[in-house]
Structure formats: structure tokens, C-alpha cells
Amino acid sequence: MKSRICLRNAMLIALLAGVLTGCGKKINKEQIAVDESRGIRFSDDRKIIEGYNPKLDEKEYTIPEGVSIVGDRAFEKCRNLTNVTIPNGVTSIGEHAFRSCARLVNIVIPSSVRTIGNYAFEECDHLTRVVIPDGVASIGERAFLSCSRLVSIEIPSSVRTIGDYAFEDCRSLSSVAVPDGVTEIGKGCFRNCKKLTSVTIPAGLRAIAFQAFYNCESLTSIDIPASVKNIEDSAFEECESLERVTIPDRVNSIGSRAFMKCKRLVSVTIPDGVTTIGSSAFEDCKNLVRVRIPKTIKSIGARAFHGCPCEKQVKNDYKHLYNYEK
């Protein structure tokens, strides 16, 4: 019995050792030696690429086999690179790893990667398409911020969290499907994605975060899943093309400026259970002629419906709930 336990423990240790050395792949010492002679830096154990030489003229680079981590700022401002091959076995892409690689067109993220760090691909202006492999659990803050030519992004079902402002200013992004496993979409996640016309929000999401879809001016409709309880401040502010929105029954608060300046919004049904409508929540929704407000409402913020055709009706019916002239 004891020998079986020892054998099982030995197998487990071997398996963990394989993971820690890049899924069992042998470190390519020859390539690393050549790379180091060209000013490319690695950690002492050769498992982390720490810094590419930005003075190199090459447009393509393949990270050596056996490397398991792309270190923080490893390729930052390497403006000549158009293509980087990351080998299977890399488990983490560090913070700022490819930040401001202005000519990077193609990046293949292998299935071994589990985390994409904060600012990892920020300001990669020529990056047009990214496939995030199944297995990645988190996308860091501002990971793809200002990737202005990014047209499509594939997010796998393994992702649980998307960081604050992860796709802010991705002005060419036209559609995105957030998978059901995601429980948190960060603040400003799709802020200023001006060509975004279609978004699939997953069941299980608890809140639409602050400025999550701020100034997505091409977004025409949004289906908020039944799991959402809060629509936070400025969540859909200045979504000028938004015509239809379904607010689910479990929502209990609508934040300040949540739908401010949604100029094409025609009607809104606020479900029973909502207790608070924040200040300026629907201000300047110039086509909002119909709104249903439930009996559960306890507070309506200042200027909540200012500039809306329905303002007079709401003001008369619910005057006792707020100081509208504030």
C-alpha cells in the first residue's frame, strides 16, 4: 500500500515539474544563447523572457521552447515587430508585455496560457484579430486598450473575469460575445467602442459596471440577463443609437447617468423590484416617450428624466419622491 502511495506521489511530482518547466518541453538553450548575444534578456533559469531588444530590425520573432512566462514589459515599444510566435508551454503573459508594439499585426496565444496581464497589448494599433484560447481564466485591466484596428475578439468559456477598461477605445470592434462563465465585466470595459453594434452579455453576470458601454454610439439594442441586479453609473451613457433595452426583474437600482443621452431610446419598462433611479439616469433621451415606473420605487434622482418627452408625466406622478429642480 505504501509503495503505491509513493508511486502516486512521484507521478504527481513529475507532472508538476512538467508544468513548471513549460509543460515538459525542453528549454532550447541554443536559441536562447543566440538570442542573448543579440541583446534579448532571459531569467537565470531561462523560463522567463524578460526583455526583447527593441533595436533589432527583425519583423518576426519566435520565443524559444521551454520559456513559460512572457515577463512584464518584455516586448514593450518594440515597434519593428509585426509577428510574434508564443510557444505552447507559456502559461502567463505579463503586464505591459506587448504594450505599444505599434506594428504588431499577428499574435497567436497558445492554449497553455492561463492569464493575460494588465496592459498586455495596450496600444497595439495594427492588431486586427485576437483569439483567446480556452484555458485563459482572466483578462487583465486595459489588456487591449486602444487597439484601434481590432475588429474581432474571441473570448472562450474558461474566462471568468474581464478587467477594467480591457477593450476601451477599440474603435473598430464591431461585435463581441462574452461567454456564460464570465461573472464580472470591469469598469469601462467597452468604453468608446464606437463601432460596436452587437454584444452578448452572459447569464450569471451580476452587474453592468460603471461606464461599461459608455459612448458605444453604434449599439442599437442590448439584452441584459436576468442575473443582473445593478446597472451602475454611466453604464450606457451616450449610446446614441440604442433603441431598445430590456431591464430584467432582479435589477434593484439604476445608476446615475446610466442611459443619459441615449437619444433614440423610445420606451423603457422598469420592472417591479427597482427601488432607485439615479440622478440624470435618462436625461436627454429625447425620444423617450413612454416609461413604466413600478410601485417599488423609493427614490428618483435629480434630473432623472430631464429633456425627455415623458418628463412631465413622471414629474407629476412621482413628484413626492425627489426634488426634481435640484
C-alpha atoms as a PDB file:
ATOM      1  CA  MET A   1       0.000   0.000   0.000  1.00  0.00           C
ATOM      2  CA  LYS A   2       2.811   2.347   0.999  1.00  0.00           C
ATOM      3  CA  SER A   3       4.633   1.672  -2.307  1.00  0.00           C
ATOM      4  CA  ARG A   4       1.504   2.588  -4.270  1.00  0.00           C
ATOM      5  CA  ILE A   5       1.233   5.891  -2.407  1.00  0.00           C
ATOM      6  CA  CYS A   6       4.919   6.625  -3.051  1.00  0.00           C
ATOM      7  CA  LEU A   7       4.479   5.847  -6.750  1.00  0.00           C
ATOM      8  CA  ARG A   8       1.395   8.065  -6.939  1.00  0.00           C
ATOM      9  CA  ASN A   9       3.250  10.920  -5.225  1.00  0.00           C
ATOM     10  CA  ALA A  10       6.211  10.520  -7.573  1.00  0.00           C
ATOM     11  CA  MET A  11       3.925  10.725 -10.598  1.00  0.00           C
ATOM     12  CA  LEU A  12       2.300  13.859  -9.187  1.00  0.00           C
ATOM     13  CA  ILE A  13       5.685  15.488  -8.595  1.00  0.00           C
ATOM     14  CA  ALA A  14       6.758  14.626 -12.155  1.00  0.00           C
ATOM     15  CA  LEU A  15       3.553  16.085 -13.545  1.00  0.00           C
ATOM     16  CA  LEU A  16       4.004  19.313 -11.579  1.00  0.00           C
ATOM     17  CA  ALA A  17       7.622  19.519 -12.666  1.00  0.00           C
ATOM     18  CA  GLY A  18       6.476  19.214 -16.275  1.00  0.00           C
ATOM     19  CA  VAL A  19       4.043  22.083 -15.816  1.00  0.00           C
ATOM     20  CA  LEU A  20       6.656  24.258 -14.146  1.00  0.00           C
ATOM     21  CA  THR A  21       9.156  23.720 -16.967  1.00  0.00           C
ATOM     22  CA  GLY A  22       6.748  24.620 -19.741  1.00  0.00           C
ATOM     23  CA  CYS A  23       4.507  21.554 -19.966  1.00  0.00           C
ATOM     24  CA  GLY A  24       7.540  19.275 -20.080  1.00  0.00           C
ATOM     25  CA  LYS A  25       9.155  20.982 -23.059  1.00  0.00           C
ATOM     26  CA  LYS A  26      12.916  21.109 -23.033  1.00  0.00           C
ATOM     27  CA  ILE A  27      14.437  24.562 -22.834  1.00  0.00           C
ATOM     28  CA  ASN A  28      16.037  25.489 -26.158  1.00  0.00           C
ATOM     29  CA  LYS A  29      19.388  26.610 -24.750  1.00  0.00           C
ATOM     30  CA  GLU A  30      20.954  27.004 -28.188  1.00  0.00           C
ATOM     31  CA  GLN A  31      18.384  29.520 -29.382  1.00  0.00           C
ATOM     32  CA  ILE A  32      18.479  31.335 -26.057  1.00  0.00           C
ATOM     33  CA  ALA A  33      22.267  31.658 -26.290  1.00  0.00           C
ATOM     34  CA  VAL A  34      21.970  33.175 -29.781  1.00  0.00           C
ATOM     35  CA  ASP A  35      19.188  35.478 -28.616  1.00  0.00           C
ATOM     36  CA  GLU A  36      21.186  36.652 -25.602  1.00  0.00           C
ATOM     37  CA  SER A  37      24.096  37.514 -27.887  1.00  0.00           C
ATOM     38  CA  ARG A  38      21.669  39.846 -29.697  1.00  0.00           C
ATOM     39  CA  GLY A  39      20.643  41.637 -26.515  1.00  0.00           C
ATOM     40  CA  ILE A  40      17.499  39.644 -25.677  1.00  0.00           C
ATOM     41  CA  ARG A  41      17.240  39.038 -21.934  1.00  0.00           C
ATOM     42  CA  PHE A  42      16.064  35.919 -20.063  1.00  0.00           C
ATOM     43  CA  SER A  43      15.844  34.987 -16.399  1.00  0.00           C
ATOM     44  CA  ASP A  44      18.684  32.930 -14.902  1.00  0.00           C
ATOM     45  CA  ASP A  45      16.650  29.734 -15.172  1.00  0.00           C
ATOM     46  CA  ARG A  46      15.711  30.611 -18.785  1.00  0.00           C
ATOM     47  CA  LYS A  47      11.996  30.192 -18.082  1.00  0.00           C
ATOM     48  CA  ILE A  48      11.095  33.877 -18.397  1.00  0.00           C
ATOM     49  CA  ILE A  49      11.759  36.112 -21.364  1.00  0.00           C
ATOM     50  CA  GLU A  50      12.429  39.432 -19.671  1.00  0.00           C
ATOM     51  CA  GLY A  51      13.226  41.814 -22.492  1.00  0.00           C
ATOM     52  CA  TYR A  52      13.398  41.815 -26.270  1.00  0.00           C
ATOM     53  CA  ASN A  53      15.934  44.151 -27.868  1.00  0.00           C
ATOM     54  CA  PRO A  54      13.862  46.981 -29.431  1.00  0.00           C
ATOM     55  CA  LYS A  55      16.824  47.989 -31.632  1.00  0.00           C
ATOM     56  CA  LEU A  56      16.648  44.771 -33.671  1.00  0.00           C
ATOM     57  CA  ASP A  57      15.338  45.183 -37.228  1.00  0.00           C
ATOM     58  CA  GLU A  58      13.588  41.803 -37.463  1.00  0.00           C
ATOM     59  CA  LYS A  59       9.844  41.867 -38.083  1.00  0.00           C
ATOM     60  CA  GLU A  60       9.215  38.359 -36.746  1.00  0.00           C
ATOM     61  CA  TYR A  61      10.332  36.606 -33.600  1.00  0.00           C
ATOM     62  CA  THR A  62       9.708  33.152 -32.110  1.00  0.00           C
ATOM     63  CA  ILE A  63      10.028  32.812 -28.353  1.00  0.00           C
ATOM     64  CA  PRO A  64      12.224  29.773 -27.595  1.00  0.00           C
ATOM     65  CA  GLU A  65      10.704  26.462 -26.499  1.00  0.00           C
ATOM     66  CA  GLY A  66      10.814  25.931 -22.735  1.00  0.00           C
ATOM     67  CA  VAL A  67      10.041  29.538 -21.854  1.00  0.00           C
ATOM     68  CA  SER A  68       6.952  29.515 -19.613  1.00  0.00           C
ATOM     69  CA  ILE A  69       6.393  33.233 -18.904  1.00  0.00           C
ATOM     70  CA  VAL A  70       6.423  36.339 -21.069  1.00  0.00           C
ATOM     71  CA  GLY A  71       7.670  38.794 -18.482  1.00  0.00           C
ATOM     72  CA  ASP A  72       6.357  42.245 -17.619  1.00  0.00           C
ATOM     73  CA  ARG A  73       7.269  44.762 -20.367  1.00  0.00           C
ATOM     74  CA  ALA A  74       9.187  42.062 -22.258  1.00  0.00           C
ATOM     75  CA  PHE A  75       8.283  43.451 -25.715  1.00  0.00           C
ATOM     76  CA  GLU A  76       7.104  46.927 -24.740  1.00  0.00           C
ATOM     77  CA  LYS A  77       7.659  49.512 -27.503  1.00  0.00           C
ATOM     78  CA  CYS A  78       9.268  47.009 -29.864  1.00  0.00           C
ATOM     79  CA  ARG A  79       7.940  48.940 -32.830  1.00  0.00           C
ATOM     80  CA  ASN A  80       9.542  46.861 -35.617  1.00  0.00           C
ATOM     81  CA  LEU A  81       7.863  43.574 -34.763  1.00  0.00           C
ATOM     82  CA  THR A  82       4.854  42.529 -36.845  1.00  0.00           C
ATOM     83  CA  ASN A  83       4.564  38.912 -35.729  1.00  0.00           C
ATOM     84  CA  VAL A  84       5.488  37.103 -32.510  1.00  0.00           C
ATOM     85  CA  THR A  85       5.101  33.346 -32.046  1.00  0.00           C
ATOM     86  CA  ILE A  86       4.492  32.263 -28.473  1.00  0.00           C
ATOM     87  CA  PRO A  87       5.244  28.550 -27.935  1.00  0.00           C
ATOM     88  CA  ASN A  88       2.860  26.144 -26.283  1.00  0.00           C
ATOM     89  CA  GLY A  89       4.012  25.886 -22.688  1.00  0.00           C
ATOM     90  CA  VAL A  90       3.849  29.602 -21.926  1.00  0.00           C
ATOM     91  CA  THR A  91       1.331  29.995 -19.102  1.00  0.00           C
ATOM     92  CA  SER A  92       1.355  33.739 -18.449  1.00  0.00           C
ATOM     93  CA  ILE A  93       1.616  36.934 -20.480  1.00  0.00           C
ATOM     94  CA  GLY A  94       2.842  39.634 -18.129  1.00  0.00           C
ATOM     95  CA  GLU A  95       1.792  43.216 -17.549  1.00  0.00           C
ATOM     96  CA  HIS A  96       2.653  45.621 -20.393  1.00  0.00           C
ATOM     97  CA  ALA A  97       4.205  42.620 -22.178  1.00  0.00           C
ATOM     98  CA  PHE A  98       3.463  43.868 -25.737  1.00  0.00           C
ATOM     99  CA  ARG A  99       2.399  47.422 -24.917  1.00  0.00           C
ATOM    100  CA  SER A 100       2.879  49.906 -27.769  1.00  0.00           C
ATOM    101  CA  CYS A 101       4.067  47.323 -30.293  1.00  0.00           C
ATOM    102  CA  ALA A 102       2.637  49.654 -32.901  1.00  0.00           C
ATOM    103  CA  ARG A 103       3.223  47.371 -35.940  1.00  0.00           C
ATOM    104  CA  LEU A 104       2.218  44.060 -34.385  1.00  0.00           C
ATOM    105  CA  VAL A 105      -0.341  42.522 -36.743  1.00  0.00           C
ATOM    106  CA  ASN A 106      -0.484  38.909 -35.632  1.00  0.00           C
ATOM    107  CA  ILE A 107      -0.211  37.208 -32.280  1.00  0.00           C
ATOM    108  CA  VAL A 108      -1.174  33.596 -31.605  1.00  0.00           C
ATOM    109  CA  ILE A 109      -1.847  32.923 -27.943  1.00  0.00           C
ATOM    110  CA  PRO A 110      -1.290  29.202 -27.222  1.00  0.00           C
ATOM    111  CA  SER A 111      -3.709  27.000 -25.295  1.00  0.00           C
ATOM    112  CA  SER A 112      -1.302  26.738 -22.355  1.00  0.00           C
ATOM    113  CA  VAL A 113      -1.807  30.412 -21.374  1.00  0.00           C
ATOM    114  CA  ARG A 114      -3.917  30.971 -18.252  1.00  0.00           C
ATOM    115  CA  THR A 115      -3.589  34.710 -17.585  1.00  0.00           C
ATOM    116  CA  ILE A 116      -3.231  37.815 -19.745  1.00  0.00           C
ATOM    117  CA  GLY A 117      -1.831  40.625 -17.623  1.00  0.00           C
ATOM    118  CA  ASN A 118      -2.834  44.247 -17.233  1.00  0.00           C
ATOM    119  CA  TYR A 119      -1.964  46.430 -20.259  1.00  0.00           C
ATOM    120  CA  ALA A 120      -0.573  43.352 -22.037  1.00  0.00           C
ATOM    121  CA  PHE A 121      -1.468  44.505 -25.581  1.00  0.00           C
ATOM    122  CA  GLU A 122      -2.293  48.162 -24.957  1.00  0.00           C
ATOM    123  CA  GLU A 123      -1.814  50.429 -27.989  1.00  0.00           C
ATOM    124  CA  CYS A 124      -1.068  47.627 -30.441  1.00  0.00           C
ATOM    125  CA  ASP A 125      -2.535  49.811 -33.189  1.00  0.00           C
ATOM    126  CA  HIS A 126      -2.254  47.287 -36.050  1.00  0.00           C
ATOM    127  CA  LEU A 127      -3.593  44.242 -34.237  1.00  0.00           C
ATOM    128  CA  THR A 128      -6.789  43.276 -36.088  1.00  0.00           C
ATOM    129  CA  ARG A 129      -7.865  39.939 -34.658  1.00  0.00           C
ATOM    130  CA  VAL A 130      -7.225  38.055 -31.437  1.00  0.00           C
ATOM    131  CA  VAL A 131      -8.271  34.541 -30.471  1.00  0.00           C
ATOM    132  CA  ILE A 132      -8.006  33.953 -26.748  1.00  0.00           C
ATOM    133  CA  PRO A 133      -7.644  30.188 -26.202  1.00  0.00           C
ATOM    134  CA  ASP A 134      -9.763  28.027 -23.963  1.00  0.00           C
ATOM    135  CA  GLY A 135      -7.997  27.795 -20.618  1.00  0.00           C
ATOM    136  CA  VAL A 136      -7.444  31.524 -20.061  1.00  0.00           C
ATOM    137  CA  ALA A 137      -9.229  32.433 -16.816  1.00  0.00           C
ATOM    138  CA  SER A 138      -8.706  36.188 -16.653  1.00  0.00           C
ATOM    139  CA  ILE A 139      -8.107  39.124 -18.975  1.00  0.00           C
ATOM    140  CA  GLY A 140      -6.300  41.931 -17.176  1.00  0.00           C
ATOM    141  CA  GLU A 141      -7.122  45.598 -16.841  1.00  0.00           C
ATOM    142  CA  ARG A 142      -6.632  47.581 -20.043  1.00  0.00           C
ATOM    143  CA  ALA A 143      -5.253  44.419 -21.677  1.00  0.00           C
ATOM    144  CA  PHE A 144      -6.330  45.540 -25.186  1.00  0.00           C
ATOM    145  CA  LEU A 145      -6.834  49.257 -24.524  1.00  0.00           C
ATOM    146  CA  SER A 146      -6.600  51.419 -27.657  1.00  0.00           C
ATOM    147  CA  CYS A 147      -6.117  48.560 -30.104  1.00  0.00           C
ATOM    148  CA  SER A 148      -7.784  50.845 -32.609  1.00  0.00           C
ATOM    149  CA  ARG A 149      -7.827  48.364 -35.549  1.00  0.00           C
ATOM    150  CA  LEU A 150      -9.042  45.354 -33.568  1.00  0.00           C
ATOM    151  CA  VAL A 151     -12.105  44.086 -35.444  1.00  0.00           C
ATOM    152  CA  SER A 152     -12.847  40.824 -33.639  1.00  0.00           C
ATOM    153  CA  ILE A 153     -12.042  39.155 -30.365  1.00  0.00           C
ATOM    154  CA  GLU A 154     -12.912  35.581 -29.409  1.00  0.00           C
ATOM    155  CA  ILE A 155     -13.336  35.033 -25.679  1.00  0.00           C
ATOM    156  CA  PRO A 156     -13.519  31.396 -24.518  1.00  0.00           C
ATOM    157  CA  SER A 157     -15.852  29.866 -21.951  1.00  0.00           C
ATOM    158  CA  SER A 158     -12.961  29.423 -19.491  1.00  0.00           C
ATOM    159  CA  VAL A 159     -12.740  33.196 -18.833  1.00  0.00           C
ATOM    160  CA  ARG A 160     -14.263  34.267 -15.522  1.00  0.00           C
ATOM    161  CA  THR A 161     -13.250  37.924 -15.229  1.00  0.00           C
ATOM    162  CA  ILE A 162     -12.545  40.725 -17.702  1.00  0.00           C
ATOM    163  CA  GLY A 163     -10.644  43.602 -16.132  1.00  0.00           C
ATOM    164  CA  ASP A 164     -11.446  47.301 -16.015  1.00  0.00           C
ATOM    165  CA  TYR A 165     -11.168  49.093 -19.380  1.00  0.00           C
ATOM    166  CA  ALA A 166      -9.931  45.873 -21.029  1.00  0.00           C
ATOM    167  CA  PHE A 167     -11.212  46.844 -24.505  1.00  0.00           C
ATOM    168  CA  GLU A 168     -11.621  50.607 -24.099  1.00  0.00           C
ATOM    169  CA  ASP A 169     -11.054  52.608 -27.295  1.00  0.00           C
ATOM    170  CA  CYS A 170     -11.106  49.530 -29.544  1.00  0.00           C
ATOM    171  CA  ARG A 171     -12.828  51.719 -32.110  1.00  0.00           C
ATOM    172  CA  SER A 172     -13.070  49.085 -34.875  1.00  0.00           C
ATOM    173  CA  LEU A 173     -14.540  46.310 -32.720  1.00  0.00           C
ATOM    174  CA  SER A 174     -17.977  45.551 -34.185  1.00  0.00           C
ATOM    175  CA  SER A 175     -19.251  42.610 -32.158  1.00  0.00           C
ATOM    176  CA  VAL A 176     -18.346  40.627 -29.087  1.00  0.00           C
ATOM    177  CA  ALA A 177     -19.816  37.613 -27.340  1.00  0.00           C
ATOM    178  CA  VAL A 178     -18.986  37.396 -23.658  1.00  0.00           C
ATOM    179  CA  PRO A 179     -19.320  33.717 -22.633  1.00  0.00           C
ATOM    180  CA  ASP A 180     -21.562  32.433 -19.870  1.00  0.00           C
ATOM    181  CA  GLY A 181     -18.708  31.699 -17.488  1.00  0.00           C
ATOM    182  CA  VAL A 182     -17.908  35.403 -17.028  1.00  0.00           C
ATOM    183  CA  THR A 183     -19.243  36.761 -13.741  1.00  0.00           C
ATOM    184  CA  GLU A 184     -17.568  40.160 -13.877  1.00  0.00           C
ATOM    185  CA  ILE A 185     -17.078  42.684 -16.662  1.00  0.00           C
ATOM    186  CA  GLY A 186     -14.888  45.502 -15.399  1.00  0.00           C
ATOM    187  CA  LYS A 187     -15.491  49.228 -15.345  1.00  0.00           C
ATOM    188  CA  GLY A 188     -15.269  50.904 -18.746  1.00  0.00           C
ATOM    189  CA  CYS A 189     -14.663  47.514 -20.363  1.00  0.00           C
ATOM    190  CA  PHE A 190     -16.040  48.508 -23.798  1.00  0.00           C
ATOM    191  CA  ARG A 191     -15.916  52.276 -23.339  1.00  0.00           C
ATOM    192  CA  ASN A 192     -15.644  54.229 -26.603  1.00  0.00           C
ATOM    193  CA  CYS A 193     -16.000  51.148 -28.802  1.00  0.00           C
ATOM    194  CA  LYS A 194     -17.721  53.328 -31.373  1.00  0.00           C
ATOM    195  CA  LYS A 195     -18.422  50.625 -33.998  1.00  0.00           C
ATOM    196  CA  LEU A 196     -19.757  48.046 -31.571  1.00  0.00           C
ATOM    197  CA  THR A 197     -23.209  47.049 -32.825  1.00  0.00           C
ATOM    198  CA  SER A 198     -23.731  43.705 -31.105  1.00  0.00           C
ATOM    199  CA  VAL A 199     -22.945  42.451 -27.613  1.00  0.00           C
ATOM    200  CA  THR A 200     -23.905  39.186 -25.980  1.00  0.00           C
ATOM    201  CA  ILE A 201     -23.929  39.569 -22.203  1.00  0.00           C
ATOM    202  CA  PRO A 202     -23.712  36.272 -20.307  1.00  0.00           C
ATOM    203  CA  ALA A 203     -26.220  34.783 -17.914  1.00  0.00           C
ATOM    204  CA  GLY A 204     -24.670  34.894 -14.468  1.00  0.00           C
ATOM    205  CA  LEU A 205     -23.366  38.469 -14.690  1.00  0.00           C
ATOM    206  CA  ARG A 206     -24.320  40.338 -11.513  1.00  0.00           C
ATOM    207  CA  ALA A 207     -23.869  43.962 -12.557  1.00  0.00           C
ATOM    208  CA  ILE A 208     -23.335  46.193 -15.573  1.00  0.00           C
ATOM    209  CA  ALA A 209     -20.324  48.108 -14.308  1.00  0.00           C
ATOM    210  CA  PHE A 210     -19.528  51.812 -14.302  1.00  0.00           C
ATOM    211  CA  GLN A 211     -19.171  53.093 -17.900  1.00  0.00           C
ATOM    212  CA  ALA A 212     -19.069  49.509 -19.213  1.00  0.00           C
ATOM    213  CA  PHE A 213     -20.581  50.563 -22.572  1.00  0.00           C
ATOM    214  CA  TYR A 214     -20.104  54.332 -22.369  1.00  0.00           C
ATOM    215  CA  ASN A 215     -20.203  56.015 -25.789  1.00  0.00           C
ATOM    216  CA  CYS A 216     -20.785  52.824 -27.770  1.00  0.00           C
ATOM    217  CA  GLU A 217     -22.559  55.014 -30.257  1.00  0.00           C
ATOM    218  CA  SER A 218     -23.430  52.240 -32.775  1.00  0.00           C
ATOM    219  CA  LEU A 219     -25.035  49.861 -30.259  1.00  0.00           C
ATOM    220  CA  THR A 220     -28.726  49.555 -31.189  1.00  0.00           C
ATOM    221  CA  SER A 221     -30.032  47.031 -28.662  1.00  0.00           C
ATOM    222  CA  ILE A 222     -28.964  45.261 -25.513  1.00  0.00           C
ATOM    223  CA  ASP A 223     -30.412  42.290 -23.666  1.00  0.00           C
ATOM    224  CA  ILE A 224     -29.457  42.423 -20.019  1.00  0.00           C
ATOM    225  CA  PRO A 225     -29.549  38.927 -18.464  1.00  0.00           C
ATOM    226  CA  ALA A 226     -31.875  38.023 -15.592  1.00  0.00           C
ATOM    227  CA  SER A 227     -28.950  37.621 -13.172  1.00  0.00           C
ATOM    228  CA  VAL A 228     -28.094  41.355 -13.180  1.00  0.00           C
ATOM    229  CA  LYS A 229     -29.065  43.246 -10.018  1.00  0.00           C
ATOM    230  CA  ASN A 230     -27.445  46.627 -10.605  1.00  0.00           C
ATOM    231  CA  ILE A 231     -26.947  48.891 -13.608  1.00  0.00           C
ATOM    232  CA  GLU A 232     -24.166  51.153 -12.427  1.00  0.00           C
ATOM    233  CA  ASP A 233     -23.419  54.816 -13.143  1.00  0.00           C
ATOM    234  CA  SER A 234     -22.972  55.771 -16.816  1.00  0.00           C
ATOM    235  CA  ALA A 235     -23.216  52.118 -17.903  1.00  0.00           C
ATOM    236  CA  PHE A 236     -24.825  53.022 -21.265  1.00  0.00           C
ATOM    237  CA  GLU A 237     -24.307  56.784 -21.290  1.00  0.00           C
ATOM    238  CA  GLU A 238     -24.135  58.311 -24.790  1.00  0.00           C
ATOM    239  CA  CYS A 239     -25.143  55.098 -26.580  1.00  0.00           C
ATOM    240  CA  GLU A 240     -26.805  57.329 -29.148  1.00  0.00           C
ATOM    241  CA  SER A 241     -28.170  54.531 -31.372  1.00  0.00           C
ATOM    242  CA  LEU A 242     -29.673  52.461 -28.556  1.00  0.00           C
ATOM    243  CA  GLU A 243     -33.349  51.963 -29.378  1.00  0.00           C
ATOM    244  CA  ARG A 244     -34.283  49.063 -27.167  1.00  0.00           C
ATOM    245  CA  VAL A 245     -33.246  47.831 -23.759  1.00  0.00           C
ATOM    246  CA  THR A 246     -34.755  45.121 -21.599  1.00  0.00           C
ATOM    247  CA  ILE A 247     -34.225  45.617 -17.878  1.00  0.00           C
ATOM    248  CA  PRO A 248     -34.680  42.298 -16.053  1.00  0.00           C
ATOM    249  CA  ASP A 249     -36.806  41.712 -12.972  1.00  0.00           C
ATOM    250  CA  ARG A 250     -33.944  41.284 -10.489  1.00  0.00           C
ATOM    251  CA  VAL A 251     -32.489  44.771 -11.050  1.00  0.00           C
ATOM    252  CA  ASN A 252     -32.916  46.887  -7.930  1.00  0.00           C
ATOM    253  CA  SER A 253     -31.050  50.054  -8.881  1.00  0.00           C
ATOM    254  CA  ILE A 254     -30.337  52.107 -11.996  1.00  0.00           C
ATOM    255  CA  GLY A 255     -27.284  54.305 -11.539  1.00  0.00           C
ATOM    256  CA  SER A 256     -26.740  57.991 -12.213  1.00  0.00           C
ATOM    257  CA  ARG A 257     -26.442  58.808 -15.948  1.00  0.00           C
ATOM    258  CA  ALA A 258     -26.951  55.099 -16.736  1.00  0.00           C
ATOM    259  CA  PHE A 259     -28.803  55.867 -20.008  1.00  0.00           C
ATOM    260  CA  MET A 260     -28.073  59.579 -20.333  1.00  0.00           C
ATOM    261  CA  LYS A 261     -28.108  60.886 -23.942  1.00  0.00           C
ATOM    262  CA  CYS A 262     -29.434  57.642 -25.433  1.00  0.00           C
ATOM    263  CA  LYS A 263     -31.166  59.835 -27.971  1.00  0.00           C
ATOM    264  CA  ARG A 264     -33.002  57.092 -29.905  1.00  0.00           C
ATOM    265  CA  LEU A 265     -34.372  55.251 -26.894  1.00  0.00           C
ATOM    266  CA  VAL A 266     -38.160  55.207 -27.344  1.00  0.00           C
ATOM    267  CA  SER A 267     -39.517  53.220 -24.420  1.00  0.00           C
ATOM    268  CA  VAL A 268     -38.322  51.658 -21.192  1.00  0.00           C
ATOM    269  CA  THR A 269     -40.057  49.270 -18.841  1.00  0.00           C
ATOM    270  CA  ILE A 270     -38.604  49.474 -15.368  1.00  0.00           C
ATOM    271  CA  PRO A 271     -39.549  46.240 -13.578  1.00  0.00           C
ATOM    272  CA  ASP A 272     -41.030  45.698 -10.154  1.00  0.00           C
ATOM    273  CA  GLY A 273     -38.203  45.467  -7.665  1.00  0.00           C
ATOM    274  CA  VAL A 274     -36.290  48.564  -8.774  1.00  0.00           C
ATOM    275  CA  THR A 275     -36.120  50.918  -5.790  1.00  0.00           C
ATOM    276  CA  THR A 276     -33.719  53.609  -7.024  1.00  0.00           C
ATOM    277  CA  ILE A 277     -33.303  55.573 -10.242  1.00  0.00           C
ATOM    278  CA  GLY A 278     -30.147  57.684 -10.079  1.00  0.00           C
ATOM    279  CA  SER A 279     -29.726  61.333 -10.979  1.00  0.00           C
ATOM    280  CA  SER A 280     -29.754  62.075 -14.728  1.00  0.00           C
ATOM    281  CA  ALA A 281     -30.348  58.358 -15.382  1.00  0.00           C
ATOM    282  CA  PHE A 282     -32.356  59.044 -18.571  1.00  0.00           C
ATOM    283  CA  GLU A 283     -31.524  62.720 -19.068  1.00  0.00           C
ATOM    284  CA  ASP A 284     -31.630  63.944 -22.689  1.00  0.00           C
ATOM    285  CA  CYS A 285     -33.212  60.744 -24.028  1.00  0.00           C
ATOM    286  CA  LYS A 286     -35.016  62.954 -26.496  1.00  0.00           C
ATOM    287  CA  ASN A 287     -37.276  60.232 -27.941  1.00  0.00           C
ATOM    288  CA  LEU A 288     -38.231  58.563 -24.679  1.00  0.00           C
ATOM    289  CA  VAL A 289     -41.987  59.000 -24.769  1.00  0.00           C
ATOM    290  CA  ARG A 290     -43.005  56.006 -22.670  1.00  0.00           C
ATOM    291  CA  VAL A 291     -41.705  54.808 -19.346  1.00  0.00           C
ATOM    292  CA  ARG A 292     -43.236  52.413 -16.867  1.00  0.00           C
ATOM    293  CA  ILE A 293     -42.186  53.056 -13.286  1.00  0.00           C
ATOM    294  CA  PRO A 294     -43.060  50.399 -10.700  1.00  0.00           C
ATOM    295  CA  LYS A 295     -44.641  50.918  -7.286  1.00  0.00           C
ATOM    296  CA  THR A 296     -41.459  49.679  -5.621  1.00  0.00           C
ATOM    297  CA  ILE A 297     -39.608  52.921  -6.483  1.00  0.00           C
ATOM    298  CA  LYS A 298     -38.452  54.782  -3.374  1.00  0.00           C
ATOM    299  CA  SER A 299     -36.124  57.364  -4.898  1.00  0.00           C
ATOM    300  CA  ILE A 300     -35.791  59.148  -8.250  1.00  0.00           C
ATOM    301  CA  GLY A 301     -32.679  61.279  -8.615  1.00  0.00           C
ATOM    302  CA  ALA A 302     -32.498  64.891  -9.731  1.00  0.00           C
ATOM    303  CA  ARG A 303     -32.941  65.393 -13.493  1.00  0.00           C
ATOM    304  CA  ALA A 304     -33.551  61.665 -13.968  1.00  0.00           C
ATOM    305  CA  PHE A 305     -35.832  62.311 -16.957  1.00  0.00           C
ATOM    306  CA  HIS A 306     -34.822  65.885 -17.783  1.00  0.00           C
ATOM    307  CA  GLY A 307     -35.118  66.619 -21.503  1.00  0.00           C
ATOM    308  CA  CYS A 308     -37.346  63.580 -22.168  1.00  0.00           C
ATOM    309  CA  PRO A 309     -40.856  63.817 -23.692  1.00  0.00           C
ATOM    310  CA  CYS A 310     -42.101  61.739 -20.736  1.00  0.00           C
ATOM    311  CA  GLU A 311     -40.645  64.172 -18.197  1.00  0.00           C
ATOM    312  CA  LYS A 312     -43.907  65.963 -17.423  1.00  0.00           C
ATOM    313  CA  GLN A 313     -45.791  62.723 -16.801  1.00  0.00           C
ATOM    314  CA  VAL A 314     -43.108  61.353 -14.481  1.00  0.00           C
ATOM    315  CA  LYS A 315     -42.745  64.658 -12.680  1.00  0.00           C
ATOM    316  CA  ASN A 316     -46.464  64.841 -11.992  1.00  0.00           C
ATOM    317  CA  ASP A 317     -46.902  61.220 -10.966  1.00  0.00           C
ATOM    318  CA  TYR A 318     -43.803  60.896  -8.775  1.00  0.00           C
ATOM    319  CA  LYS A 319     -43.194  64.401  -7.503  1.00  0.00           C
ATOM    320  CA  HIS A 320     -43.213  63.171  -3.900  1.00  0.00           C
ATOM    321  CA  LEU A 321     -40.104  61.000  -4.473  1.00  0.00           C
ATOM    322  CA  TYR A 322     -37.498  63.635  -5.346  1.00  0.00           C
ATOM    323  CA  ASN A 323     -36.655  67.289  -5.692  1.00  0.00           C
ATOM    324  CA  TYR A 324     -36.629  67.479  -9.483  1.00  0.00           C
ATOM    325  CA  GLU A 325     -35.377  71.048  -9.590  1.00  0.00           C
ATOM    326  CA  LYS A 326     -32.217  70.234  -7.661  1.00  0.00           C
END
